Amino acid sequence: MKKIIFTFFALVGIFALGGCAHHPVDCAVGFAWADCLPGTAGYNNGVGQPTKENETRQSNVNIAQPEKAKDVYTELTKLDELRKKGIISEAEFDAQKKKILNEK
């Protein structure tokens, strides 16, 4: 009976360290998981490092957002100038402003 209980707790301990939460044993011996810490064999196998595709996607997102904000600002500024000059009415200005803000 003691042997069964010991085996049970030994297996629970192994699984708690190896296959759950942050799997430190797996990372330490080289099994690669996405959340292996730097310096472990699993991280060094390349899983912990960002891929080129993810880096490119992230850089495109960072570039695209300021351009959109700049475009919206430019469009609203031009629209405001037209309103101030009396080329468009207040109602036309409001309608176009809503359209620009909803598109971006």
PDB file of N, CA and C in Angstrom:
ATOM      1  N   MET A   1       0.820  -1.188   0.000  1.00  0.00           N
ATOM      2  CA  MET A   1       0.000   0.000   0.000  1.00  0.00           C
ATOM      3  C   MET A   1       0.869   1.259   0.000  1.00  0.00           C
ATOM      4  N   LYS A   2       1.941   1.247   0.823  1.00  0.00           N
ATOM      5  CA  LYS A   2       2.838   2.396   0.875  1.00  0.00           C
ATOM      6  C   LYS A   2       3.494   2.626  -0.479  1.00  0.00           C
ATOM      7  N   LYS A   3       3.797   1.527  -1.172  1.00  0.00           N
ATOM      8  CA  LYS A   3       4.439   1.630  -2.479  1.00  0.00           C
ATOM      9  C   LYS A   3       3.489   2.290  -3.488  1.00  0.00           C
ATOM     10  N   ILE A   4       2.211   1.965  -3.419  1.00  0.00           N
ATOM     11  CA  ILE A   4       1.219   2.547  -4.328  1.00  0.00           C
ATOM     12  C   ILE A   4       1.070   4.042  -4.051  1.00  0.00           C
ATOM     13  N   ILE A   5       0.990   4.396  -2.772  1.00  0.00           N
ATOM     14  CA  ILE A   5       0.854   5.809  -2.409  1.00  0.00           C
ATOM     15  C   ILE A   5       2.092   6.584  -2.844  1.00  0.00           C
ATOM     16  N   PHE A   6       3.277   6.021  -2.610  1.00  0.00           N
ATOM     17  CA  PHE A   6       4.515   6.681  -3.016  1.00  0.00           C
ATOM     18  C   PHE A   6       4.554   6.867  -4.532  1.00  0.00           C
ATOM     19  N   THR A   7       4.187   5.830  -5.261  1.00  0.00           N
ATOM     20  CA  THR A   7       4.170   5.905  -6.724  1.00  0.00           C
ATOM     21  C   THR A   7       3.185   6.970  -7.193  1.00  0.00           C
ATOM     22  N   PHE A   8       2.026   7.012  -6.573  1.00  0.00           N
ATOM     23  CA  PHE A   8       1.020   8.014  -6.942  1.00  0.00           C
ATOM     24  C   PHE A   8       1.570   9.428  -6.765  1.00  0.00           C
ATOM     25  N   PHE A   9       2.142   9.720  -5.593  1.00  0.00           N
ATOM     26  CA  PHE A   9       2.663  11.063  -5.347  1.00  0.00           C
ATOM     27  C   PHE A   9       3.886  11.365  -6.200  1.00  0.00           C
ATOM     28  N   ALA A  10       4.682  10.366  -6.501  1.00  0.00           N
ATOM     29  CA  ALA A  10       5.833  10.568  -7.383  1.00  0.00           C
ATOM     30  C   ALA A  10       5.360  10.959  -8.781  1.00  0.00           C
ATOM     31  N   LEU A  11       4.341  10.265  -9.287  1.00  0.00           N
ATOM     32  CA  LEU A  11       3.805  10.590 -10.609  1.00  0.00           C
ATOM     33  C   LEU A  11       3.151  11.970 -10.625  1.00  0.00           C
ATOM     34  N   VAL A  12       2.418  12.287  -9.574  1.00  0.00           N
ATOM     35  CA  VAL A  12       1.797  13.613  -9.490  1.00  0.00           C
ATOM     36  C   VAL A  12       2.880  14.690  -9.493  1.00  0.00           C
ATOM     37  N   GLY A  13       3.946  14.467  -8.754  1.00  0.00           N
ATOM     38  CA  GLY A  13       5.048  15.430  -8.712  1.00  0.00           C
ATOM     39  C   GLY A  13       5.718  15.601 -10.058  1.00  0.00           C
ATOM     40  N   ILE A  14       5.937  14.504 -10.761  1.00  0.00           N
ATOM     41  CA  ILE A  14       6.561  14.572 -12.089  1.00  0.00           C
ATOM     42  C   ILE A  14       5.675  15.335 -13.052  1.00  0.00           C
ATOM     43  N   PHE A  15       4.385  15.020 -13.056  1.00  0.00           N
ATOM     44  CA  PHE A  15       3.480  15.715 -13.971  1.00  0.00           C
ATOM     45  C   PHE A  15       3.323  17.188 -13.593  1.00  0.00           C
ATOM     46  N   ALA A  16       3.376  17.487 -12.301  1.00  0.00           N
ATOM     47  CA  ALA A  16       3.250  18.881 -11.880  1.00  0.00           C
ATOM     48  C   ALA A  16       4.435  19.702 -12.365  1.00  0.00           C
ATOM     49  N   LEU A  17       5.609  19.100 -12.403  1.00  0.00           N
ATOM     50  CA  LEU A  17       6.792  19.821 -12.860  1.00  0.00           C
ATOM     51  C   LEU A  17       6.959  19.774 -14.372  1.00  0.00           C
ATOM     52  N   GLY A  18       6.566  18.675 -14.973  1.00  0.00           N
ATOM     53  CA  GLY A  18       6.884  18.489 -16.383  1.00  0.00           C
ATOM     54  C   GLY A  18       5.839  18.903 -17.369  1.00  0.00           C
ATOM     55  N   GLY A  19       4.591  18.608 -17.151  1.00  0.00           N
ATOM     56  CA  GLY A  19       3.626  18.814 -18.216  1.00  0.00           C
ATOM     57  C   GLY A  19       2.601  19.890 -17.986  1.00  0.00           C
ATOM     58  N   CYS A  20       2.640  20.555 -16.867  1.00  0.00           N
ATOM     59  CA  CYS A  20       1.613  21.548 -16.570  1.00  0.00           C
ATOM     60  C   CYS A  20       2.201  22.951 -16.611  1.00  0.00           C
ATOM     61  N   ALA A  21       1.469  23.851 -16.062  1.00  0.00           N
ATOM     62  CA  ALA A  21       1.802  25.274 -15.910  1.00  0.00           C
ATOM     63  C   ALA A  21       2.880  25.763 -16.864  1.00  0.00           C
ATOM     64  N   HIS A  22       4.090  25.901 -16.391  1.00  0.00           N
ATOM     65  CA  HIS A  22       5.142  26.460 -17.239  1.00  0.00           C
ATOM     66  C   HIS A  22       6.189  25.417 -17.624  1.00  0.00           C
ATOM     67  N   HIS A  23       5.899  24.159 -17.412  1.00  0.00           N
ATOM     68  CA  HIS A  23       6.735  23.023 -17.776  1.00  0.00           C
ATOM     69  C   HIS A  23       8.238  23.309 -17.701  1.00  0.00           C
ATOM     70  N   PRO A  24       8.771  23.636 -16.513  1.00  0.00           N
ATOM     71  CA  PRO A  24      10.193  23.959 -16.403  1.00  0.00           C
ATOM     72  C   PRO A  24      11.107  22.790 -16.735  1.00  0.00           C
ATOM     73  N   VAL A  25      10.679  21.576 -16.412  1.00  0.00           N
ATOM     74  CA  VAL A  25      11.519  20.419 -16.709  1.00  0.00           C
ATOM     75  C   VAL A  25      11.630  20.234 -18.214  1.00  0.00           C
ATOM     76  N   ASP A  26      10.509  20.358 -18.930  1.00  0.00           N
ATOM     77  CA  ASP A  26      10.541  20.217 -20.384  1.00  0.00           C
ATOM     78  C   ASP A  26      11.461  21.260 -21.005  1.00  0.00           C
ATOM     79  N   CYS A  27      11.337  22.498 -20.582  1.00  0.00           N
ATOM     80  CA  CYS A  27      12.176  23.564 -21.132  1.00  0.00           C
ATOM     81  C   CYS A  27      13.646  23.324 -20.803  1.00  0.00           C
ATOM     82  N   ALA A  28      13.907  22.835 -19.596  1.00  0.00           N
ATOM     83  CA  ALA A  28      15.285  22.617 -19.172  1.00  0.00           C
ATOM     84  C   ALA A  28      15.977  21.525 -19.973  1.00  0.00           C
ATOM     85  N   VAL A  29      15.243  20.490 -20.345  1.00  0.00           N
ATOM     86  CA  VAL A  29      15.871  19.391 -21.085  1.00  0.00           C
ATOM     87  C   VAL A  29      15.781  19.575 -22.592  1.00  0.00           C
ATOM     88  N   GLY A  30      15.111  20.622 -23.056  1.00  0.00           N
ATOM     89  CA  GLY A  30      15.129  20.925 -24.478  1.00  0.00           C
ATOM     90  C   GLY A  30      13.829  20.780 -25.219  1.00  0.00           C
ATOM     91  N   PHE A  31      12.766  20.331 -24.551  1.00  0.00           N
ATOM     92  CA  PHE A  31      11.471  20.286 -25.228  1.00  0.00           C
ATOM     93  C   PHE A  31      10.977  21.723 -25.360  1.00  0.00           C
ATOM     94  N   ALA A  32      10.728  22.126 -26.564  1.00  0.00           N
ATOM     95  CA  ALA A  32      10.411  23.526 -26.821  1.00  0.00           C
ATOM     96  C   ALA A  32       8.930  23.817 -26.626  1.00  0.00           C
ATOM     97  N   TRP A  33       8.647  24.802 -25.793  1.00  0.00           N
ATOM     98  CA  TRP A  33       7.300  25.324 -25.595  1.00  0.00           C
ATOM     99  C   TRP A  33       7.353  26.818 -25.856  1.00  0.00           C
ATOM    100  N   ALA A  34       6.242  27.408 -26.185  1.00  0.00           N
ATOM    101  CA  ALA A  34       6.217  28.835 -26.513  1.00  0.00           C
ATOM    102  C   ALA A  34       6.590  29.715 -25.327  1.00  0.00           C
ATOM    103  N   ASP A  35       6.394  29.228 -24.103  1.00  0.00           N
ATOM    104  CA  ASP A  35       6.676  30.073 -22.945  1.00  0.00           C
ATOM    105  C   ASP A  35       7.920  29.650 -22.173  1.00  0.00           C
ATOM    106  N   CYS A  36       8.860  28.957 -22.833  1.00  0.00           N
ATOM    107  CA  CYS A  36      10.123  28.615 -22.182  1.00  0.00           C
ATOM    108  C   CYS A  36      10.903  29.895 -21.896  1.00  0.00           C
ATOM    109  N   LEU A  37      11.569  29.921 -20.759  1.00  0.00           N
ATOM    110  CA  LEU A  37      12.313  31.107 -20.357  1.00  0.00           C
ATOM    111  C   LEU A  37      13.650  31.191 -21.082  1.00  0.00           C
ATOM    112  N   PRO A  38      14.148  32.411 -21.332  1.00  0.00           N
ATOM    113  CA  PRO A  38      15.462  32.568 -21.963  1.00  0.00           C
ATOM    114  C   PRO A  38      16.532  31.863 -21.144  1.00  0.00           C
ATOM    115  N   GLY A  39      17.454  31.226 -21.830  1.00  0.00           N
ATOM    116  CA  GLY A  39      18.529  30.502 -21.174  1.00  0.00           C
ATOM    117  C   GLY A  39      18.265  29.020 -21.029  1.00  0.00           C
ATOM    118  N   THR A  40      17.015  28.583 -21.185  1.00  0.00           N
ATOM    119  CA  THR A  40      16.728  27.157 -21.111  1.00  0.00           C
ATOM    120  C   THR A  40      16.934  26.525 -22.478  1.00  0.00           C
ATOM    121  N   ALA A  41      17.130  25.223 -22.487  1.00  0.00           N
ATOM    122  CA  ALA A  41      17.346  24.517 -23.751  1.00  0.00           C
ATOM    123  C   ALA A  41      16.133  24.630 -24.665  1.00  0.00           C
ATOM    124  N   GLY A  42      14.939  24.609 -24.107  1.00  0.00           N
ATOM    125  CA  GLY A  42      13.733  24.741 -24.918  1.00  0.00           C
ATOM    126  C   GLY A  42      13.664  26.091 -25.616  1.00  0.00           C
ATOM    127  N   TYR A  43      14.055  27.135 -24.916  1.00  0.00           N
ATOM    128  CA  TYR A  43      14.068  28.475 -25.511  1.00  0.00           C
ATOM    129  C   TYR A  43      15.129  28.546 -26.602  1.00  0.00           C
ATOM    130  N   ASN A  44      16.294  27.968 -26.317  1.00  0.00           N
ATOM    131  CA  ASN A  44      17.394  28.006 -27.278  1.00  0.00           C
ATOM    132  C   ASN A  44      17.103  27.200 -28.532  1.00  0.00           C
ATOM    133  N   ASN A  45      16.148  26.292 -28.468  1.00  0.00           N
ATOM    134  CA  ASN A  45      15.765  25.525 -29.657  1.00  0.00           C
ATOM    135  C   ASN A  45      14.936  26.359 -30.620  1.00  0.00           C
ATOM    136  N   GLY A  46      14.654  27.596 -30.285  1.00  0.00           N
ATOM    137  CA  GLY A  46      14.028  28.510 -31.220  1.00  0.00           C
ATOM    138  C   GLY A  46      12.574  28.820 -30.981  1.00  0.00           C
ATOM    139  N   VAL A  47      11.934  28.117 -30.087  1.00  0.00           N
ATOM    140  CA  VAL A  47      10.507  28.354 -29.886  1.00  0.00           C
ATOM    141  C   VAL A  47      10.268  29.669 -29.163  1.00  0.00           C
ATOM    142  N   GLY A  48      11.119  30.033 -28.242  1.00  0.00           N
ATOM    143  CA  GLY A  48      10.926  31.255 -27.487  1.00  0.00           C
ATOM    144  C   GLY A  48      11.247  32.515 -28.258  1.00  0.00           C
ATOM    145  N   GLN A  49      11.805  32.364 -29.449  1.00  0.00           N
ATOM    146  CA  GLN A  49      12.178  33.537 -30.233  1.00  0.00           C
ATOM    147  C   GLN A  49      11.079  33.868 -31.223  1.00  0.00           C
ATOM    148  N   PRO A  50      10.812  35.147 -31.433  1.00  0.00           N
ATOM    149  CA  PRO A  50       9.766  35.519 -32.387  1.00  0.00           C
ATOM    150  C   PRO A  50      10.143  35.138 -33.812  1.00  0.00           C
ATOM    151  N   THR A  51       9.177  34.730 -34.582  1.00  0.00           N
ATOM    152  CA  THR A  51       9.434  34.364 -35.969  1.00  0.00           C
ATOM    153  C   THR A  51       9.483  35.620 -36.826  1.00  0.00           C
ATOM    154  N   LYS A  52      10.067  35.495 -38.003  1.00  0.00           N
ATOM    155  CA  LYS A  52      10.141  36.625 -38.936  1.00  0.00           C
ATOM    156  C   LYS A  52       8.744  37.109 -39.304  1.00  0.00           C
ATOM    157  N   GLU A  53       7.815  36.161 -39.488  1.00  0.00           N
ATOM    158  CA  GLU A  53       6.448  36.522 -39.860  1.00  0.00           C
ATOM    159  C   GLU A  53       5.803  37.382 -38.782  1.00  0.00           C
ATOM    160  N   ASN A  54       5.988  36.997 -37.511  1.00  0.00           N
ATOM    161  CA  ASN A  54       5.413  37.776 -36.413  1.00  0.00           C
ATOM    162  C   ASN A  54       6.070  39.148 -36.299  1.00  0.00           C
ATOM    163  N   GLU A  55       7.405  39.207 -36.513  1.00  0.00           N
ATOM    164  CA  GLU A  55       8.093  40.491 -36.449  1.00  0.00           C
ATOM    165  C   GLU A  55       7.595  41.418 -37.545  1.00  0.00           C
ATOM    166  N   THR A  56       7.428  40.870 -38.756  1.00  0.00           N
ATOM    167  CA  THR A  56       6.946  41.667 -39.882  1.00  0.00           C
ATOM    168  C   THR A  56       5.530  42.149 -39.623  1.00  0.00           C
ATOM    169  N   ARG A  57       4.679  41.253 -39.153  1.00  0.00           N
ATOM    170  CA  ARG A  57       3.293  41.610 -38.869  1.00  0.00           C
ATOM    171  C   ARG A  57       3.234  42.709 -37.807  1.00  0.00           C
ATOM    172  N   GLN A  58       4.046  42.586 -36.759  1.00  0.00           N
ATOM    173  CA  GLN A  58       4.050  43.580 -35.694  1.00  0.00           C
ATOM    174  C   GLN A  58       4.561  44.921 -36.211  1.00  0.00           C
ATOM    175  N   SER A  59       5.608  44.915 -37.040  1.00  0.00           N
ATOM    176  CA  SER A  59       6.127  46.181 -37.548  1.00  0.00           C
ATOM    177  C   SER A  59       5.127  46.847 -38.478  1.00  0.00           C
ATOM    178  N   ASN A  60       4.377  46.054 -39.251  1.00  0.00           N
ATOM    179  CA  ASN A  60       3.348  46.625 -40.118  1.00  0.00           C
ATOM    180  C   ASN A  60       2.238  47.273 -39.302  1.00  0.00           C
ATOM    181  N   VAL A  61       1.877  46.658 -38.187  1.00  0.00           N
ATOM    182  CA  VAL A  61       0.842  47.218 -37.322  1.00  0.00           C
ATOM    183  C   VAL A  61       1.323  48.542 -36.741  1.00  0.00           C
ATOM    184  N   ASN A  62       2.576  48.578 -36.293  1.00  0.00           N
ATOM    185  CA  ASN A  62       3.107  49.804 -35.710  1.00  0.00           C
ATOM    186  C   ASN A  62       3.182  50.933 -36.732  1.00  0.00           C
ATOM    187  N   ILE A  63       3.457  50.606 -37.965  1.00  0.00           N
ATOM    188  CA  ILE A  63       3.557  51.618 -39.011  1.00  0.00           C
ATOM    189  C   ILE A  63       2.171  52.077 -39.444  1.00  0.00           C
ATOM    190  N   ALA A  64       1.237  51.156 -39.567  1.00  0.00           N
ATOM    191  CA  ALA A  64      -0.079  51.471 -40.117  1.00  0.00           C
ATOM    192  C   ALA A  64      -0.900  52.377 -39.202  1.00  0.00           C
ATOM    193  N   GLN A  65      -0.810  52.207 -37.921  1.00  0.00           N
ATOM    194  CA  GLN A  65      -1.641  52.984 -37.010  1.00  0.00           C
ATOM    195  C   GLN A  65      -1.349  54.480 -37.050  1.00  0.00           C
ATOM    196  N   PRO A  66      -0.088  54.930 -37.004  1.00  0.00           N
ATOM    197  CA  PRO A  66       0.147  56.374 -37.091  1.00  0.00           C
ATOM    198  C   PRO A  66      -0.288  56.964 -38.429  1.00  0.00           C
ATOM    199  N   GLU A  67      -0.139  56.217 -39.522  1.00  0.00           N
ATOM    200  CA  GLU A  67      -0.557  56.716 -40.825  1.00  0.00           C
ATOM    201  C   GLU A  67      -2.066  56.952 -40.850  1.00  0.00           C
ATOM    202  N   LYS A  68      -2.832  56.025 -40.275  1.00  0.00           N
ATOM    203  CA  LYS A  68      -4.287  56.191 -40.233  1.00  0.00           C
ATOM    204  C   LYS A  68      -4.660  57.432 -39.433  1.00  0.00           C
ATOM    205  N   ALA A  69      -4.026  57.601 -38.290  1.00  0.00           N
ATOM    206  CA  ALA A  69      -4.319  58.767 -37.458  1.00  0.00           C
ATOM    207  C   ALA A  69      -3.952  60.049 -38.193  1.00  0.00           C
ATOM    208  N   LYS A  70      -2.832  60.020 -38.903  1.00  0.00           N
ATOM    209  CA  LYS A  70      -2.399  61.192 -39.658  1.00  0.00           C
ATOM    210  C   LYS A  70      -3.386  61.497 -40.780  1.00  0.00           C
ATOM    211  N   ASP A  71      -3.847  60.450 -41.478  1.00  0.00           N
ATOM    212  CA  ASP A  71      -4.820  60.637 -42.551  1.00  0.00           C
ATOM    213  C   ASP A  71      -6.120  61.236 -42.024  1.00  0.00           C
ATOM    214  N   VAL A  72      -6.606  60.728 -40.915  1.00  0.00           N
ATOM    215  CA  VAL A  72      -7.846  61.236 -40.322  1.00  0.00           C
ATOM    216  C   VAL A  72      -7.666  62.704 -39.944  1.00  0.00           C
ATOM    217  N   TYR A  73      -6.554  62.999 -39.310  1.00  0.00           N
ATOM    218  CA  TYR A  73      -6.288  64.386 -38.907  1.00  0.00           C
ATOM    219  C   TYR A  73      -6.246  65.304 -40.129  1.00  0.00           C
ATOM    220  N   THR A  74      -5.542  64.870 -41.181  1.00  0.00           N
ATOM    221  CA  THR A  74      -5.432  65.674 -42.403  1.00  0.00           C
ATOM    222  C   THR A  74      -6.796  65.894 -43.039  1.00  0.00           C
ATOM    223  N   GLU A  75      -7.578  64.834 -43.138  1.00  0.00           N
ATOM    224  CA  GLU A  75      -8.906  64.947 -43.747  1.00  0.00           C
ATOM    225  C   GLU A  75      -9.816  65.879 -42.951  1.00  0.00           C
ATOM    226  N   LEU A  76      -9.785  65.743 -41.632  1.00  0.00           N
ATOM    227  CA  LEU A  76     -10.630  66.606 -40.797  1.00  0.00           C
ATOM    228  C   LEU A  76     -10.181  68.066 -40.867  1.00  0.00           C
ATOM    229  N   THR A  77      -8.873  68.278 -40.942  1.00  0.00           N
ATOM    230  CA  THR A  77      -8.357  69.642 -41.057  1.00  0.00           C
ATOM    231  C   THR A  77      -8.812  70.291 -42.358  1.00  0.00           C
ATOM    232  N   LYS A  78      -8.707  69.544 -43.458  1.00  0.00           N
ATOM    233  CA  LYS A  78      -9.154  70.065 -44.756  1.00  0.00           C
ATOM    234  C   LYS A  78     -10.657  70.347 -44.736  1.00  0.00           C
ATOM    235  N   LEU A  79     -11.388  69.437 -44.143  1.00  0.00           N
ATOM    236  CA  LEU A  79     -12.839  69.596 -44.058  1.00  0.00           C
ATOM    237  C   LEU A  79     -13.204  70.836 -43.239  1.00  0.00           C
ATOM    238  N   ASP A  80     -12.470  71.045 -42.141  1.00  0.00           N
ATOM    239  CA  ASP A  80     -12.721  72.212 -41.298  1.00  0.00           C
ATOM    240  C   ASP A  80     -12.426  73.511 -42.053  1.00  0.00           C
ATOM    241  N   GLU A  81     -11.367  73.506 -42.844  1.00  0.00           N
ATOM    242  CA  GLU A  81     -11.044  74.696 -43.644  1.00  0.00           C
ATOM    243  C   GLU A  81     -12.158  75.007 -44.643  1.00  0.00           C
ATOM    244  N   LEU A  82     -12.705  73.964 -45.273  1.00  0.00           N
ATOM    245  CA  LEU A  82     -13.813  74.168 -46.214  1.00  0.00           C
ATOM    246  C   LEU A  82     -15.031  74.761 -45.503  1.00  0.00           C
ATOM    247  N   ARG A  83     -15.270  74.300 -44.283  1.00  0.00           N
ATOM    248  CA  ARG A  83     -16.404  74.812 -43.502  1.00  0.00           C
ATOM    249  C   ARG A  83     -16.184  76.274 -43.134  1.00  0.00           C
ATOM    250  N   LYS A  84     -14.963  76.590 -42.696  1.00  0.00           N
ATOM    251  CA  LYS A  84     -14.656  77.963 -42.292  1.00  0.00           C
ATOM    252  C   LYS A  84     -14.750  78.937 -43.469  1.00  0.00           C
ATOM    253  N   LYS A  85     -14.405  78.468 -44.664  1.00  0.00           N
ATOM    254  CA  LYS A  85     -14.462  79.315 -45.862  1.00  0.00           C
ATOM    255  C   LYS A  85     -15.880  79.421 -46.419  1.00  0.00           C
ATOM    256  N   GLY A  86     -16.794  78.632 -45.873  1.00  0.00           N
ATOM    257  CA  GLY A  86     -18.181  78.676 -46.320  1.00  0.00           C
ATOM    258  C   GLY A  86     -18.455  77.840 -47.556  1.00  0.00           C
ATOM    259  N   ILE A  87     -17.502  76.987 -47.931  1.00  0.00           N
ATOM    260  CA  ILE A  87     -17.673  76.135 -49.113  1.00  0.00           C
ATOM    261  C   ILE A  87     -18.661  75.012 -48.824  1.00  0.00           C
ATOM    262  N   ILE A  88     -18.630  74.513 -47.586  1.00  0.00           N
ATOM    263  CA  ILE A  88     -19.609  73.496 -47.175  1.00  0.00           C
ATOM    264  C   ILE A  88     -20.347  74.005 -45.946  1.00  0.00           C
ATOM    265  N   SER A  89     -21.544  73.492 -45.742  1.00  0.00           N
ATOM    266  CA  SER A  89     -22.351  73.918 -44.591  1.00  0.00           C
ATOM    267  C   SER A  89     -21.944  73.143 -43.338  1.00  0.00           C
ATOM    268  N   GLU A  90     -22.461  73.593 -42.212  1.00  0.00           N
ATOM    269  CA  GLU A  90     -22.208  72.907 -40.932  1.00  0.00           C
ATOM    270  C   GLU A  90     -22.741  71.472 -40.969  1.00  0.00           C
ATOM    271  N   ALA A  91     -23.908  71.279 -41.569  1.00  0.00           N
ATOM    272  CA  ALA A  91     -24.503  69.936 -41.669  1.00  0.00           C
ATOM    273  C   ALA A  91     -23.646  69.027 -42.543  1.00  0.00           C
ATOM    274  N   GLU A  92     -23.134  69.567 -43.658  1.00  0.00           N
ATOM    275  CA  GLU A  92     -22.261  68.769 -44.533  1.00  0.00           C
ATOM    276  C   GLU A  92     -20.959  68.417 -43.816  1.00  0.00           C
ATOM    277  N   PHE A  93     -20.442  69.389 -43.064  1.00  0.00           N
ATOM    278  CA  PHE A  93     -19.226  69.151 -42.286  1.00  0.00           C
ATOM    279  C   PHE A  93     -19.438  68.019 -41.286  1.00  0.00           C
ATOM    280  N   ASP A  94     -20.531  68.082 -40.534  1.00  0.00           N
ATOM    281  CA  ASP A  94     -20.827  67.047 -39.536  1.00  0.00           C
ATOM    282  C   ASP A  94     -21.005  65.681 -40.176  1.00  0.00           C
ATOM    283  N   ALA A  95     -21.691  65.630 -41.307  1.00  0.00           N
ATOM    284  CA  ALA A  95     -21.922  64.349 -41.993  1.00  0.00           C
ATOM    285  C   ALA A  95     -20.606  63.749 -42.480  1.00  0.00           C
ATOM    286  N   GLN A  96     -19.755  64.583 -43.080  1.00  0.00           N
ATOM    287  CA  GLN A  96     -18.469  64.092 -43.581  1.00  0.00           C
ATOM    288  C   GLN A  96     -17.542  63.690 -42.433  1.00  0.00           C
ATOM    289  N   LYS A  97     -17.593  64.447 -41.335  1.00  0.00           N
ATOM    290  CA  LYS A  97     -16.764  64.128 -40.170  1.00  0.00           C
ATOM    291  C   LYS A  97     -17.143  62.758 -39.609  1.00  0.00           C
ATOM    292  N   LYS A  98     -18.438  62.506 -39.480  1.00  0.00           N
ATOM    293  CA  LYS A  98     -18.894  61.199 -38.989  1.00  0.00           C
ATOM    294  C   LYS A  98     -18.437  60.087 -39.920  1.00  0.00           C
ATOM    295  N   LYS A  99     -18.538  60.326 -41.215  1.00  0.00           N
ATOM    296  CA  LYS A  99     -18.131  59.327 -42.202  1.00  0.00           C
ATOM    297  C   LYS A  99     -16.635  59.019 -42.073  1.00  0.00           C
ATOM    298  N   ILE A 100     -15.813  60.046 -41.954  1.00  0.00           N
ATOM    299  CA  ILE A 100     -14.362  59.863 -41.832  1.00  0.00           C
ATOM    300  C   ILE A 100     -14.027  59.116 -40.545  1.00  0.00           C
ATOM    301  N   LEU A 101     -14.631  59.506 -39.446  1.00  0.00           N
ATOM    302  CA  LEU A 101     -14.325  58.872 -38.159  1.00  0.00           C
ATOM    303  C   LEU A 101     -14.808  57.427 -38.097  1.00  0.00           C
ATOM    304  N   ASN A 102     -15.888  57.103 -38.764  1.00  0.00           N
ATOM    305  CA  ASN A 102     -16.395  55.729 -38.761  1.00  0.00           C
ATOM    306  C   ASN A 102     -15.598  54.817 -39.676  1.00  0.00           C
ATOM    307  N   GLU A 103     -14.967  55.365 -40.709  1.00  0.00           N
ATOM    308  CA  GLU A 103     -14.177  54.550 -41.638  1.00  0.00           C
ATOM    309  C   GLU A 103     -12.858  54.138 -41.030  1.00  0.00           C
ATOM    310  N   LYS A 104     -12.269  54.942 -40.205  1.00  0.00           N
ATOM    311  CA  LYS A 104     -10.905  54.712 -39.730  1.00  0.00           C
ATOM    312  C   LYS A 104     -10.862  53.944 -38.463  1.00  0.00           C
TER     313      LYS A 104
END
